[in-house]
Amino acid sequence: MLKIDIIIPSFKKSPKYQKFQKFQTYSFPSLIGSWFPVWYNKNILRKMGVKVNFINFFQVNFDKLSNIVGFDSRIIGNILSNYGTVKETTINAIIPMLKKIRKKANHIVYFDNGDSSGYTQFEVLPYVDRYFKKQILKDKTIYSKFLYRKRLFTDYYFKNYHLEEEGSNLPLYPIKPEFERKIGISWNFAFKDYRSSNKIDKYLFAFSRLQNLKFFEPNKNRKLLFSANYSIKTGSSIIDFQRKELLNFLEKNYSINDNISLGRIPKKLYLKTMRSSKAIFSPFGWGEICYRDFEILISGAALIKPDMAHLETWPNIYKKFKTYIPISWKIEDWEHEVPKILDNEDLLLDVAINGQNQYKKYWTKNGRSVFCERFIDLITPNCLNFS
């Protein structure tokens, strides 16, 4: 039996109560989006010869760890206030912790669960055996360059639309050639728990492995041509730029229509609106991939999203004009792109059907097996010397 201990963050609490997080004894992996699929398939993994043990960061006994240890990067959020910045936290807390783990474990798997392909923690590469992200840039040479706000798309808008500087900006930590082979792709938000529609259900489902995710059939009879219901206030003006410009464009060109829905709305209405939409726009947020992408696939609408060609991810549901419809990062192109897309209802229906069918596969019995096989492959030590 292959055994792995996975150290995960203390359950996220509001800042008001974070001082009590160290008293949390249970790990709550089912409520952490990144770890839900491993928890959900824990019994299947055990039948396949892998025993998974989740450990709350504040409850780790370093002397009793397994030979294989997984480490969630978002532990930084539990201790960031002690050091001020992610860089300082990584250097002064995370790396020493990894060195401490190494005294017990022979194989350390680092899961960078950050939202963006550009925001990395490559500083830890010398101290781990494998390093996995939800999504990485296809062109890895970009990681040796300076990107404004450490994201390819924020750098693009900053340079091409002459935006004002925002906060401090540090260069990306480059990938040293000898460590590049450690880097790989884990899994993205496709495997978050989308079974619940409200906070009460979310906590109830945290203790259930019942398969009851409901997909809504795509069709041409939906009353809304499209919807774009999202916030334009993320806390960062540079992150907001694309989101705000897209919403402004849609309001300017389509707001007189009664068959669209724009702007942020309550969650219950948001889900209902999705199921009534033929197409839904999903701009980038803190990262390129977001929960909305998969909520759209579940709802049976066509996913319209800025071009994702720069990314590698898994599962890759971003197949141009097959499972999603790309629009340019260049704002000026929307004027001729968007009308052509929205006028082609056959395309919208085909993309909605193909996207949903592609995504459905991962929630089947076979899809769960595929995930488990991938997870086992990610954590299993091999003959290569990564140290």
Foldseek 3Di string as FASTA:
>chain_A
DAEEEEEDEQPDDPPVCLVCSLVDFDRLLCLDLVRVLCVLCQVVLVVVPYHYHYGYNSGDDLVPGDQFYEYELCNCVSCCVVQPDSVRCCVPPVLVVLVSNVVPYVAYEYEDEDFAQQDDDLVCLVSHQAYAYQKHFPPLVCLVFAAQVRHVLLSVCCVPVVDDHDDDGDRHDHHDPLRPVRYDYAHDSLRGPPQDQDDVVSVVCSPPSDQDQAAAAADPPQQALEEEEDDLPPPDVSQSVLVVLVLVVCCVPPVVDPRYYYYHDDSVVVLVVLLRYQEYEDEAGSYRDDPVLNSNLRSLHAYEYADPVRMDHPPDLRDDLQQHDHDHSDSVRCVPPVVVVSVPSVSGNRNSVRNNVVSVCCSDPVNSVVSSVSVCVSRDDDPDDSD
